[in-house]
Amino acid sequence: MTTSTDLRTLADEYWEAKLQASPLTASFFGDHRYDDRADELSVEAEQRFRRTWSQLRDRAARLDGQGLDEADRVTRDLLMYELEDAITSIEHRFVELAPDQMQGAHAQLLMLASQLRAPEPQHAQMALTRIGELARMLDEATQRYVDGIRAGRTPAHINVTRSLHQVESYLASPLDTDPFVTLAGPPEWDGTPRWREQMTAAVRDLLRPAFGRYGDVFRTQLLSAARPDDRPGLCHLREGEDLYHVLIEHHTGLPLTAAELHQIGLDEVTGALRAEFAEIGARALGTSDIQQIFARLKNDPDLRYRDGDAVLQHARRCLEGATARMSDWFGILPQAACVLTPVPEFLAADVPGAYYTPPAPDGSRPGEYHVNLHEPTERARFPTASIAYHEAIPGHHLQLAIATERTDLPKFRRMSWAHTAFVEGWALYAERLADEMDLYDTPLDRLGLVASDAWRAGRLVVDTGLHAFGWTRQQAIDFLAEHMPVDLDTITVEVDRYIGMPAQALAYKVGQREIARMRSDARRGLGDRFDVKGFHDVVLGAATISLPVLGTRVAEWVASTQPA
């Protein structure tokens, strides 16, 4: 009979193998054992990883679920899911599909660089060795992209163009401010000057030339083979339909079809949400005309902030209000506080309007809701409340902080990034929940809620339109511009993201709808016995999980709550 120890041992082996397969992930999580390595992207490396994942999957499949408690059964199911998903990603060669501005090796490195640290002298020396490994990683990535082209997996032209611009911008930046050169080193270390000189030389002589070679491949091979703007979707590839189907399940965890997702999005955007815009717009702006509402939200200077302090005050009021009321809606509460932190000025121009970072696993750092104060007079007021409830409380902070604090669970469950539909679905559900909690102070704030929901519903239409139904890039831009109170530049950047990351944008709305459906089914099944705090504790109490596992947990909770 399988014991909890058997399962925990296997889970720990999986987490260790995952960190070895992605040393950059290990460094991001503060595990510095592999700071002298970079991820391997070659076919040979992937096949080695596949053998590891297959062996672990087969061992997990042999574990007898009898005798395991609910927490261990969930661990086994999630372990099997993540291993199967990793194998599927290799079998379908997802890396060949990722020369875009979000998933490309260059983009991943540039986004990660400023978040890495070398806290001790030994880590500083390892980081110096890693520079050459990063160069090797870039070379392997370009080889995989070329392999993809030879197999007929051509990228979209707009993604190659945006990626090339990122590389060229990096190479044009000063060496002395290069994020790899300025890596945070050991505090008060007398070896810092010499180490910094060595890092500068390594980046100049090894890493930047690798970025140059990477850009040359994009310029000379990818651009000429790329799909034009009138054929940007996967459906224009020979195997595109099958790939998109696999990617839908990869990102949502559910066997959904493009056609049903497309229709769900259309129904919401052109039906219920449009009616909400009209009803709330009449109260907030004195008009129920959709285009007038959108024009006011996008262009009216009276609906913008006067200065950065006004942005902070609004965000703080939202955070404090949600913090005060969360105990009425949740039984399990995070120990870590959520603090509001202005985005540093040196980052502000290039990051979103707000984002969240979870607390440190050891409790040394709280959860942080980062608010961007860049050009505050250009910022509209209507999205602030819904963003606060999405990113902080009751959204990401509750879910991710509670997950981090479940120290009785295996690390892969506490730290997992494998279940976007659950993580982002919860945060989007939380925006609607905040309305039930009476947290939106004004009709303008509630317009922000509707706009946010419409944006995620619009993604269902546009993503499937592009990748399953042959939409052009301009069709996708035009659809969102017609149905969303969002400026054209933002829409264009988002559409290009959907082109480069097929199906990823579906996860948000799918997750929200599934959580809301489970709650509705539980309420219907339990009647007067339904307890919303109990439901939320079931959703959040198992850390980060898949939607199918959540469905099982909710069903078991309903069954156990009903009278015998």
Protein backbone atom coordinates (compact mmCIF):
# COMPACT_ATOMS: atom_id res chain seq x y z
CA MET A 1 0.00 0.00 0.00
CA THR A 2 1.26 3.45 -0.89
CA THR A 3 2.24 5.61 2.05
CA SER A 4 2.34 9.37 2.35
CA THR A 5 6.13 9.10 2.63
CA ASP A 6 6.34 7.27 -0.72
CA LEU A 7 4.36 10.01 -2.41
CA ARG A 8 6.26 12.84 -0.75
CA THR A 9 9.57 11.30 -1.80
CA LEU A 10 8.42 11.12 -5.41
CA ALA A 11 7.08 14.68 -5.30
CA ASP A 12 10.39 15.94 -3.93
CA GLU A 13 12.28 14.06 -6.67
CA TYR A 14 10.08 15.72 -9.26
CA TRP A 15 10.71 19.19 -7.86
CA GLU A 16 14.46 18.60 -7.78
CA ALA A 17 14.41 17.31 -11.37
CA LYS A 18 12.37 20.36 -12.39
CA LEU A 19 14.96 22.73 -10.90
CA GLN A 20 17.79 20.82 -12.56
CA ALA A 21 15.97 21.04 -15.90
CA SER A 22 15.51 24.80 -15.42
CA PRO A 23 18.37 26.28 -13.36
CA LEU A 24 17.05 29.77 -14.05
CA THR A 25 13.80 28.84 -12.30
CA ALA A 26 15.80 27.58 -9.33
CA SER A 27 17.67 30.88 -9.10
CA PHE A 28 14.42 32.84 -9.35
CA PHE A 29 13.09 30.91 -6.35
CA GLY A 30 16.26 31.67 -4.38
CA ASP A 31 17.87 28.24 -4.76
CA HIS A 32 21.43 29.11 -5.75
CA ARG A 33 22.86 25.61 -6.25
CA TYR A 34 22.62 25.94 -10.03
CA ASP A 35 23.62 29.57 -10.46
CA ASP A 36 26.41 28.57 -12.85
CA ARG A 37 23.98 26.93 -15.31
CA ALA A 38 21.28 27.95 -17.80
CA ASP A 39 18.36 26.05 -19.24
CA GLU A 40 19.01 23.54 -22.02
CA LEU A 41 16.82 23.84 -25.11
CA SER A 42 18.41 21.33 -27.50
CA VAL A 43 16.55 18.30 -28.86
CA GLU A 44 18.99 16.04 -27.03
CA ALA A 45 18.35 17.75 -23.72
CA GLU A 46 14.60 17.60 -24.21
CA GLN A 47 14.74 13.87 -24.85
CA ARG A 48 16.75 13.45 -21.66
CA PHE A 49 14.11 15.41 -19.76
CA ARG A 50 11.39 13.35 -21.42
CA ARG A 51 12.93 10.15 -20.11
CA THR A 52 13.02 11.63 -16.61
CA TRP A 53 9.41 12.81 -16.75
CA SER A 54 8.26 9.46 -18.17
CA GLN A 55 10.00 7.49 -15.44
CA LEU A 56 8.50 9.70 -12.74
CA ARG A 57 5.06 9.50 -14.35
CA ASP A 58 5.20 5.70 -14.48
CA ARG A 59 6.20 5.56 -10.83
CA ALA A 60 3.39 7.95 -9.90
CA ALA A 61 0.90 5.84 -11.88
CA ARG A 62 1.90 2.77 -9.87
CA LEU A 63 1.13 4.46 -6.57
CA ASP A 64 -2.03 3.04 -5.07
CA GLY A 65 -4.45 5.79 -4.11
CA GLN A 66 -6.03 3.66 -1.40
CA GLY A 67 -4.84 4.62 2.03
CA LEU A 68 -3.99 8.16 0.99
CA ASP A 69 -5.82 11.08 2.54
CA GLU A 70 -7.39 13.85 0.46
CA ALA A 71 -4.25 16.03 0.45
CA ASP A 72 -2.12 13.13 -0.80
CA ARG A 73 -4.65 12.12 -3.44
CA VAL A 74 -4.58 15.68 -4.75
CA THR A 75 -0.77 15.61 -4.74
CA ARG A 76 -0.78 12.39 -6.76
CA ASP A 77 -3.31 13.75 -9.28
CA LEU A 78 -1.41 17.03 -9.71
CA LEU A 79 1.91 15.22 -10.04
CA MET A 80 0.49 13.04 -12.79
CA TYR A 81 -1.00 16.09 -14.51
CA GLU A 82 2.22 18.11 -14.49
CA LEU A 83 4.31 15.18 -15.71
CA GLU A 84 1.89 14.36 -18.53
CA ASP A 85 1.81 18.04 -19.49
CA ALA A 86 5.62 18.26 -19.55
CA ILE A 87 5.82 15.19 -21.78
CA THR A 88 3.15 16.58 -24.11
CA SER A 89 5.06 19.86 -24.42
CA ILE A 90 8.16 17.98 -25.53
CA GLU A 91 6.29 15.64 -27.88
CA HIS A 92 4.71 18.61 -29.65
CA ARG A 93 7.97 20.59 -29.62
CA PHE A 94 6.44 23.73 -28.13
CA VAL A 95 9.85 25.40 -27.97
CA GLU A 96 9.86 25.62 -31.78
CA LEU A 97 6.70 27.75 -31.60
CA ALA A 98 8.13 30.37 -29.26
CA PRO A 99 10.33 32.94 -31.04
CA ASP A 100 7.93 35.65 -29.91
CA GLN A 101 8.31 38.73 -27.72
CA MET A 102 6.94 37.01 -24.60
CA GLN A 103 8.14 33.40 -24.65
CA GLY A 104 11.29 33.70 -26.74
CA ALA A 105 14.57 32.82 -25.02
CA HIS A 106 15.75 36.42 -25.43
CA ALA A 107 12.59 37.83 -23.81
CA GLN A 108 12.71 35.35 -20.95
CA LEU A 109 16.32 36.26 -20.18
CA LEU A 110 15.78 40.01 -20.42
CA MET A 111 12.73 39.88 -18.14
CA LEU A 112 14.46 37.62 -15.63
CA ALA A 113 17.82 39.40 -15.49
CA SER A 114 16.84 42.14 -13.06
CA GLN A 115 15.21 39.64 -10.67
CA LEU A 116 18.27 37.46 -10.11
CA ARG A 117 20.71 37.85 -7.20
CA ALA A 118 24.15 36.61 -6.17
CA PRO A 119 23.98 36.91 -2.36
CA GLU A 120 27.34 35.26 -1.56
CA PRO A 121 30.80 35.40 -3.20
CA GLN A 122 30.48 31.81 -4.39
CA HIS A 123 27.21 32.69 -6.12
CA ALA A 124 28.90 35.67 -7.76
CA GLN A 125 31.53 33.39 -9.25
CA MET A 126 28.84 30.98 -10.40
CA ALA A 127 26.98 33.89 -12.02
CA LEU A 128 30.13 34.72 -13.95
CA THR A 129 30.25 31.16 -15.30
CA ARG A 130 26.55 31.37 -16.15
CA ILE A 131 27.14 34.19 -18.69
CA GLY A 132 28.67 31.70 -21.11
CA GLU A 133 25.82 29.29 -20.45
CA LEU A 134 23.28 31.98 -21.30
CA ALA A 135 25.05 32.47 -24.62
CA ARG A 136 24.80 28.73 -25.24
CA MET A 137 21.08 28.84 -24.39
CA LEU A 138 20.46 31.56 -26.99
CA ASP A 139 22.31 29.58 -29.65
CA GLU A 140 20.26 26.48 -28.86
CA ALA A 141 17.04 28.50 -29.05
CA THR A 142 17.82 29.83 -32.53
CA GLN A 143 18.59 26.31 -33.72
CA ARG A 144 15.20 25.13 -32.50
CA TYR A 145 13.45 28.04 -34.24
CA VAL A 146 15.21 27.17 -37.48
CA ASP A 147 14.25 23.51 -36.98
CA GLY A 148 10.66 24.68 -36.66
CA ILE A 149 10.79 26.59 -39.93
CA ARG A 150 12.21 23.55 -41.71
CA ALA A 151 9.27 21.53 -40.34
CA GLY A 152 6.79 24.09 -41.67
CA ARG A 153 6.24 25.78 -38.31
CA THR A 154 6.71 29.32 -39.49
CA PRO A 155 6.30 32.13 -36.94
CA ALA A 156 4.10 35.18 -37.36
CA HIS A 157 5.86 38.16 -38.90
CA ILE A 158 4.72 40.59 -36.20
CA ASN A 159 6.21 38.40 -33.46
CA VAL A 160 9.55 38.13 -35.24
CA THR A 161 9.54 41.90 -35.76
CA ARG A 162 8.80 42.63 -32.10
CA SER A 163 11.40 40.12 -30.93
CA LEU A 164 14.03 41.58 -33.22
CA HIS A 165 13.26 45.05 -31.88
CA GLN A 166 13.78 43.79 -28.32
CA VAL A 167 17.15 42.29 -29.21
CA GLU A 168 18.30 45.37 -31.11
CA SER A 169 17.19 47.65 -28.26
CA TYR A 170 19.13 45.56 -25.76
CA LEU A 171 22.27 45.57 -27.87
CA ALA A 172 22.00 49.34 -28.31
CA SER A 173 21.78 49.90 -24.54
CA PRO A 174 24.89 50.97 -22.59
CA LEU A 175 27.08 48.16 -21.32
CA ASP A 176 27.47 49.75 -17.90
CA THR A 177 23.71 49.57 -17.27
CA ASP A 178 23.28 46.11 -18.77
CA PRO A 179 21.05 44.06 -16.39
CA PHE A 180 23.44 41.11 -16.56
CA VAL A 181 26.41 43.33 -15.70
CA THR A 182 24.58 45.04 -12.85
CA LEU A 183 23.38 41.81 -11.25
CA ALA A 184 22.98 42.39 -7.50
CA GLY A 185 26.05 40.93 -5.85
CA PRO A 186 27.13 40.12 -2.30
CA PRO A 187 26.72 43.08 0.05
CA GLU A 188 29.92 44.63 1.39
CA TRP A 189 32.13 42.17 -0.52
CA ASP A 190 35.67 43.39 -1.13
CA GLY A 191 35.79 41.36 -4.34
CA THR A 192 33.00 43.34 -5.96
CA PRO A 193 35.14 45.69 -8.13
CA ARG A 194 37.10 42.84 -9.71
CA TRP A 195 33.98 40.69 -10.13
CA ARG A 196 32.10 43.55 -11.76
CA GLU A 197 34.95 43.99 -14.25
CA GLN A 198 34.81 40.27 -15.06
CA MET A 199 31.05 40.37 -15.50
CA THR A 200 31.37 43.34 -17.83
CA ALA A 201 33.96 41.54 -19.94
CA ALA A 202 31.93 38.32 -20.06
CA VAL A 203 28.76 40.10 -21.13
CA ARG A 204 30.68 42.13 -23.72
CA ASP A 205 32.64 39.18 -25.14
CA LEU A 206 30.20 36.28 -24.75
CA LEU A 207 26.61 37.22 -24.09
CA ARG A 208 26.13 40.26 -26.30
CA PRO A 209 27.68 38.50 -29.32
CA ALA A 210 25.24 35.63 -28.67
CA PHE A 211 22.35 38.10 -28.70
CA GLY A 212 23.83 39.44 -31.93
CA ARG A 213 23.88 35.95 -33.50
CA TYR A 214 20.34 35.41 -32.26
CA GLY A 215 19.20 38.64 -33.91
CA ASP A 216 20.98 37.72 -37.14
CA VAL A 217 19.02 34.47 -37.36
CA PHE A 218 15.77 36.35 -36.84
CA ARG A 219 16.76 38.89 -39.48
CA THR A 220 18.08 36.50 -42.12
CA GLN A 221 15.99 33.36 -41.67
CA LEU A 222 12.86 33.92 -39.59
CA LEU A 223 11.67 37.18 -41.16
CA SER A 224 11.65 35.85 -44.70
CA ALA A 225 9.75 32.69 -43.67
CA ALA A 226 7.27 34.41 -41.34
CA ARG A 227 3.50 34.40 -41.81
CA PRO A 228 2.15 37.83 -42.83
CA ASP A 229 -0.39 39.85 -40.86
CA ASP A 230 -3.28 38.47 -42.90
CA ARG A 231 -2.34 34.90 -41.89
CA PRO A 232 -0.97 35.15 -38.35
CA GLY A 233 -2.79 32.22 -36.70
CA LEU A 234 -1.82 28.59 -36.15
CA CYS A 235 -4.62 27.47 -38.47
CA HIS A 236 -2.40 28.46 -41.40
CA LEU A 237 0.12 25.76 -40.50
CA ARG A 238 -0.26 22.20 -41.76
CA GLU A 239 -0.55 20.83 -38.21
CA GLY A 240 -1.98 24.02 -36.78
CA GLU A 241 -5.45 22.74 -35.92
CA ASP A 242 -4.08 19.87 -33.85
CA LEU A 243 -1.48 22.11 -32.19
CA TYR A 244 -4.10 24.65 -31.16
CA HIS A 245 -6.31 21.93 -29.68
CA VAL A 246 -3.36 20.66 -27.61
CA LEU A 247 -2.50 24.20 -26.51
CA ILE A 248 -6.07 24.91 -25.38
CA GLU A 249 -5.92 21.95 -23.01
CA HIS A 250 -2.35 22.83 -21.99
CA HIS A 251 -3.37 26.31 -20.86
CA THR A 252 -6.85 25.61 -19.48
CA GLY A 253 -6.54 22.05 -18.25
CA LEU A 254 -9.88 21.24 -19.92
CA PRO A 255 -10.81 19.51 -23.22
CA LEU A 256 -12.58 22.54 -24.71
CA THR A 257 -13.04 23.30 -28.40
CA ALA A 258 -12.21 26.52 -30.18
CA ALA A 259 -15.77 26.80 -31.47
CA GLU A 260 -17.41 26.67 -28.03
CA LEU A 261 -14.90 29.12 -26.55
CA HIS A 262 -15.43 31.53 -29.43
CA GLN A 263 -19.20 31.45 -28.94
CA ILE A 264 -18.94 31.89 -25.17
CA GLY A 265 -16.86 35.00 -25.70
CA LEU A 266 -19.22 36.41 -28.32
CA ASP A 267 -22.25 35.82 -26.14
CA GLU A 268 -20.69 37.65 -23.20
CA VAL A 269 -19.17 40.56 -25.13
CA THR A 270 -22.21 41.31 -27.28
CA GLY A 271 -24.85 40.32 -24.74
CA ALA A 272 -24.72 40.47 -20.95
CA LEU A 273 -21.61 42.65 -20.68
CA ARG A 274 -22.84 45.15 -23.24
CA ALA A 275 -26.07 45.49 -21.25
CA GLU A 276 -24.03 46.05 -18.08
CA PHE A 277 -22.00 48.77 -19.77
CA ALA A 278 -25.20 50.55 -20.75
CA GLU A 279 -26.87 50.23 -17.34
CA ILE A 280 -23.87 51.32 -15.27
CA GLY A 281 -22.79 53.93 -17.83
CA ALA A 282 -26.13 55.68 -17.44
CA ARG A 283 -25.46 56.05 -13.71
CA ALA A 284 -21.76 56.84 -13.95
CA LEU A 285 -21.66 59.05 -17.04
CA GLY A 286 -25.23 59.97 -17.82
CA THR A 287 -25.44 57.98 -21.05
CA SER A 288 -26.29 54.41 -22.03
CA ASP A 289 -24.82 54.76 -25.53
CA ILE A 290 -21.95 52.28 -25.66
CA GLN A 291 -19.69 54.25 -27.98
CA GLN A 292 -20.19 57.44 -25.94
CA ILE A 293 -19.33 55.50 -22.78
CA PHE A 294 -16.18 54.11 -24.38
CA ALA A 295 -15.13 57.51 -25.71
CA ARG A 296 -15.53 59.12 -22.29
CA LEU A 297 -13.61 56.35 -20.53
CA LYS A 298 -10.73 56.59 -23.01
CA ASN A 299 -10.54 60.33 -23.59
CA ASP A 300 -12.23 62.40 -20.88
CA PRO A 301 -9.52 64.22 -18.84
CA ASP A 302 -11.97 64.58 -15.94
CA LEU A 303 -11.86 60.80 -15.52
CA ARG A 304 -8.09 60.77 -15.04
CA TYR A 305 -5.91 61.30 -11.97
CA ARG A 306 -4.52 64.68 -11.03
CA ASP A 307 -1.22 63.28 -9.69
CA GLY A 308 0.55 60.21 -8.31
CA ASP A 309 -0.75 60.75 -4.79
CA ALA A 310 -4.31 60.43 -6.05
CA VAL A 311 -3.44 57.07 -7.65
CA LEU A 312 -1.92 55.83 -4.39
CA GLN A 313 -4.83 57.05 -2.28
CA HIS A 314 -7.36 55.25 -4.48
CA ALA A 315 -5.36 52.01 -4.54
CA ARG A 316 -4.76 52.16 -0.78
CA ARG A 317 -8.45 52.75 -0.09
CA CYS A 318 -9.31 49.65 -2.13
CA LEU A 319 -6.69 47.50 -0.41
CA GLU A 320 -7.68 48.63 3.09
CA GLY A 321 -11.37 48.11 2.42
CA ALA A 322 -10.83 44.59 1.09
CA THR A 323 -8.51 43.71 3.97
CA ALA A 324 -11.10 44.81 6.50
CA ARG A 325 -13.85 42.67 4.95
CA MET A 326 -12.04 39.50 3.90
CA SER A 327 -12.70 37.65 7.16
CA ASP A 328 -16.43 37.82 6.39
CA TRP A 329 -15.88 35.83 3.19
CA PHE A 330 -12.92 33.56 3.95
CA GLY A 331 -12.17 31.19 6.79
CA ILE A 332 -8.57 30.53 5.75
CA LEU A 333 -6.64 33.80 5.79
CA PRO A 334 -3.01 34.40 4.83
CA GLN A 335 -0.55 35.11 7.62
CA ALA A 336 1.50 37.38 5.37
CA ALA A 337 0.32 40.94 4.98
CA CYS A 338 -0.29 42.53 1.60
CA VAL A 339 1.45 45.89 1.40
CA LEU A 340 1.05 48.57 -1.24
CA THR A 341 4.38 49.45 -2.87
CA PRO A 342 4.95 52.10 -5.55
CA VAL A 343 6.84 50.77 -8.57
CA PRO A 344 10.41 52.16 -8.59
CA GLU A 345 10.80 55.00 -11.05
CA PHE A 346 13.53 53.24 -13.01
CA LEU A 347 11.09 50.41 -13.84
CA ALA A 348 7.88 52.37 -14.15
CA ALA A 349 7.95 53.18 -17.87
CA ASP A 350 8.24 49.53 -18.92
CA VAL A 351 5.97 47.59 -16.58
CA PRO A 352 2.17 47.28 -16.21
CA GLY A 353 0.01 49.67 -14.21
CA ALA A 354 -0.07 47.24 -11.29
CA TYR A 355 1.15 43.76 -10.43
CA TYR A 356 1.62 41.46 -7.43
CA THR A 357 4.57 39.52 -6.00
CA PRO A 358 3.89 36.75 -3.47
CA PRO A 359 5.45 36.71 0.01
CA ALA A 360 8.77 34.95 0.52
CA PRO A 361 8.35 31.26 1.43
CA ASP A 362 10.32 31.84 4.65
CA GLY A 363 8.09 34.74 5.70
CA SER A 364 10.86 37.32 5.35
CA ARG A 365 8.96 39.40 2.79
CA PRO A 366 5.23 40.25 2.66
CA GLY A 367 3.04 40.04 -0.37
CA GLU A 368 3.38 43.24 -2.37
CA TYR A 369 0.81 45.01 -4.49
CA HIS A 370 2.90 47.19 -6.80
CA VAL A 371 1.23 50.33 -8.13
CA ASN A 372 2.77 52.20 -11.06
CA LEU A 373 2.79 56.00 -10.73
CA HIS A 374 4.36 56.69 -14.14
CA GLU A 375 2.63 59.59 -15.93
CA PRO A 376 -0.31 59.60 -13.49
CA THR A 377 -2.27 62.32 -15.31
CA GLU A 378 -2.53 59.94 -18.28
CA ARG A 379 -4.09 57.21 -16.15
CA ALA A 380 -7.83 56.65 -16.11
CA ARG A 381 -9.51 56.15 -12.74
CA PHE A 382 -12.05 53.53 -13.73
CA PRO A 383 -9.78 50.41 -13.79
CA THR A 384 -8.02 50.98 -10.44
CA ALA A 385 -10.50 49.24 -8.13
CA SER A 386 -10.96 46.08 -10.22
CA ILE A 387 -7.18 45.82 -10.69
CA ALA A 388 -6.63 46.14 -6.94
CA TYR A 389 -9.10 43.37 -6.19
CA HIS A 390 -7.55 41.20 -8.93
CA GLU A 391 -3.92 41.67 -7.95
CA ALA A 392 -4.22 41.98 -4.16
CA ILE A 393 -7.26 41.11 -2.02
CA PRO A 394 -9.35 39.03 -2.59
CA GLY A 395 -7.39 38.05 -5.71
CA HIS A 396 -3.79 36.97 -6.12
CA HIS A 397 -2.69 37.74 -2.56
CA LEU A 398 -5.21 35.44 -0.95
CA GLN A 399 -4.58 32.61 -3.39
CA LEU A 400 -0.80 32.80 -3.70
CA ALA A 401 0.00 33.74 -0.09
CA ILE A 402 -2.15 30.91 1.23
CA ALA A 403 -0.45 28.53 -1.22
CA THR A 404 3.01 29.68 -0.15
CA GLU A 405 2.13 29.16 3.52
CA ARG A 406 0.96 25.58 3.07
CA THR A 407 4.34 24.26 4.24
CA ASP A 408 2.82 20.81 4.83
CA LEU A 409 2.48 20.39 1.05
CA PRO A 410 5.22 19.46 -1.45
CA LYS A 411 7.11 22.38 -2.96
CA PHE A 412 5.83 21.77 -6.47
CA ARG A 413 2.29 22.44 -5.26
CA ARG A 414 3.21 25.60 -3.38
CA MET A 415 5.35 27.04 -6.19
CA SER A 416 3.64 25.63 -9.28
CA TRP A 417 3.15 27.80 -12.36
CA ALA A 418 1.39 25.00 -14.22
CA HIS A 419 -2.23 26.01 -13.61
CA THR A 420 -2.82 29.44 -15.15
CA ALA A 421 -6.56 28.85 -15.47
CA PHE A 422 -6.82 28.39 -11.71
CA VAL A 423 -4.51 31.25 -10.69
CA GLU A 424 -5.84 33.83 -13.14
CA GLY A 425 -9.35 32.44 -13.04
CA TRP A 426 -9.45 32.99 -9.29
CA ALA A 427 -8.19 36.57 -9.65
CA LEU A 428 -10.84 37.34 -12.27
CA TYR A 429 -13.51 35.66 -10.11
CA ALA A 430 -12.28 37.86 -7.26
CA GLU A 431 -13.12 41.01 -9.23
CA ARG A 432 -16.77 39.94 -9.34
CA LEU A 433 -16.64 38.71 -5.75
CA ALA A 434 -15.49 42.19 -4.69
CA ASP A 435 -18.81 43.51 -5.98
CA GLU A 436 -20.64 41.05 -3.72
CA MET A 437 -18.43 42.25 -0.87
CA ASP A 438 -19.66 45.80 -1.60
CA LEU A 439 -16.13 47.03 -2.29
CA TYR A 440 -16.79 49.15 -5.39
CA ASP A 441 -17.45 52.67 -4.11
CA THR A 442 -18.75 54.32 -7.28
CA PRO A 443 -20.48 53.45 -10.56
CA LEU A 444 -17.22 54.48 -12.29
CA ASP A 445 -15.35 51.78 -10.35
CA ARG A 446 -17.99 49.27 -11.41
CA LEU A 447 -17.50 50.28 -15.04
CA GLY A 448 -13.91 49.20 -14.51
CA LEU A 449 -15.16 45.81 -13.33
CA VAL A 450 -17.28 45.37 -16.47
CA ALA A 451 -14.45 46.57 -18.72
CA SER A 452 -12.06 44.05 -17.17
CA ASP A 453 -14.54 41.21 -17.59
CA ALA A 454 -15.25 42.23 -21.18
CA TRP A 455 -11.54 42.29 -21.95
CA ARG A 456 -11.12 38.66 -20.81
CA ALA A 457 -14.27 37.59 -22.67
CA GLY A 458 -12.97 39.35 -25.77
CA ARG A 459 -9.83 37.25 -25.56
CA LEU A 460 -11.93 34.10 -26.11
CA VAL A 461 -13.22 35.59 -29.36
CA VAL A 462 -9.95 37.00 -30.64
CA ASP A 463 -7.61 34.14 -29.70
CA THR A 464 -9.85 31.53 -31.30
CA GLY A 465 -10.59 33.87 -34.20
CA LEU A 466 -6.90 34.16 -34.97
CA HIS A 467 -5.82 30.56 -34.44
CA ALA A 468 -8.89 28.53 -35.39
CA PHE A 469 -10.93 30.65 -37.78
CA GLY A 470 -8.34 32.45 -39.84
CA TRP A 471 -8.80 36.02 -38.63
CA THR A 472 -6.30 38.60 -39.78
CA ARG A 473 -4.37 40.67 -37.28
CA GLN A 474 -6.45 43.71 -38.24
CA GLN A 475 -9.72 41.83 -37.68
CA ALA A 476 -8.64 41.03 -34.15
CA ILE A 477 -7.64 44.64 -33.45
CA ASP A 478 -10.90 45.95 -34.92
CA PHE A 479 -13.04 43.59 -32.84
CA LEU A 480 -11.47 44.66 -29.56
CA ALA A 481 -11.51 48.33 -30.53
CA GLU A 482 -15.27 48.10 -31.18
CA HIS A 483 -16.14 46.28 -27.97
CA MET A 484 -13.63 47.55 -25.38
CA PRO A 485 -12.93 50.99 -23.82
CA VAL A 486 -9.20 50.49 -24.42
CA ASP A 487 -6.78 52.60 -26.45
CA LEU A 488 -5.55 51.31 -29.79
CA ASP A 489 -1.90 50.99 -28.75
CA THR A 490 -2.78 48.71 -25.84
CA ILE A 491 -5.09 46.64 -28.03
CA THR A 492 -2.40 46.21 -30.67
CA VAL A 493 0.21 45.06 -28.15
CA GLU A 494 -2.28 42.60 -26.66
CA VAL A 495 -3.32 41.16 -30.02
CA ASP A 496 0.32 40.60 -30.91
CA ARG A 497 0.73 38.76 -27.61
CA TYR A 498 -2.21 36.47 -28.47
CA ILE A 499 -0.68 35.78 -31.88
CA GLY A 500 2.60 34.73 -30.29
CA MET A 501 1.14 32.76 -27.36
CA PRO A 502 -1.79 30.77 -28.78
CA ALA A 503 -4.45 29.78 -26.19
CA GLN A 504 -2.69 31.29 -23.16
CA ALA A 505 -5.13 34.20 -23.00
CA LEU A 506 -8.07 31.79 -22.83
CA ALA A 507 -7.15 30.64 -19.34
CA TYR A 508 -8.41 33.71 -17.46
CA LYS A 509 -12.05 33.60 -18.52
CA VAL A 510 -12.20 29.81 -18.54
CA GLY A 511 -10.98 29.69 -14.94
CA GLN A 512 -13.37 32.39 -13.77
CA ARG A 513 -16.35 30.69 -15.37
CA GLU A 514 -15.45 27.29 -13.93
CA ILE A 515 -15.08 28.61 -10.38
CA ALA A 516 -18.37 30.51 -10.67
CA ARG A 517 -20.10 27.42 -12.10
CA MET A 518 -18.82 25.23 -9.26
CA ARG A 519 -20.08 27.74 -6.73
CA SER A 520 -23.50 27.89 -8.40
CA ASP A 521 -23.75 24.08 -8.52
CA ALA A 522 -22.70 23.81 -4.87
CA ARG A 523 -25.29 26.39 -3.81
CA ARG A 524 -27.98 24.59 -5.76
CA GLY A 525 -26.99 21.24 -4.26
CA LEU A 526 -26.71 22.45 -0.67
CA GLY A 527 -29.46 25.04 -0.52
CA ASP A 528 -29.55 26.62 2.94
CA ARG A 529 -26.49 24.60 3.95
CA PHE A 530 -24.29 26.43 1.44
CA ASP A 531 -21.60 28.52 3.14
CA VAL A 532 -19.62 30.88 0.94
CA LYS A 533 -16.69 30.95 3.38
CA GLY A 534 -16.57 27.17 3.28
CA PHE A 535 -16.65 27.19 -0.52
CA HIS A 536 -13.78 29.68 -0.72
CA ASP A 537 -11.74 27.64 1.74
CA VAL A 538 -12.20 24.57 -0.44
CA VAL A 539 -11.06 26.53 -3.50
CA LEU A 540 -7.96 28.05 -1.87
CA GLY A 541 -7.09 25.50 0.78
CA ALA A 542 -5.18 23.09 -1.47
CA ALA A 543 -2.68 25.68 -2.80
CA THR A 544 -2.38 25.93 -6.62
CA ILE A 545 -4.34 23.19 -8.36
CA SER A 546 -5.88 22.32 -11.72
CA LEU A 547 -9.51 22.97 -12.55
CA PRO A 548 -10.36 19.22 -12.71
CA VAL A 549 -8.83 18.67 -9.27
CA LEU A 550 -10.76 21.67 -7.97
CA GLY A 551 -13.97 20.19 -9.36
CA THR A 552 -13.34 16.98 -7.45
CA ARG A 553 -12.62 18.87 -4.23
CA VAL A 554 -15.80 20.90 -4.51
CA ALA A 555 -17.91 17.82 -5.29
CA GLU A 556 -16.48 16.00 -2.27
CA TRP A 557 -17.13 19.04 -0.07
CA VAL A 558 -20.75 19.20 -1.23
CA ALA A 559 -21.22 15.49 -0.57
CA SER A 560 -19.72 15.76 2.91
CA THR A 561 -21.85 18.80 3.78
CA GLN A 562 -25.16 17.24 2.82
CA PRO A 563 -27.16 15.45 5.55
CA ALA A 564 -26.59 11.70 5.83
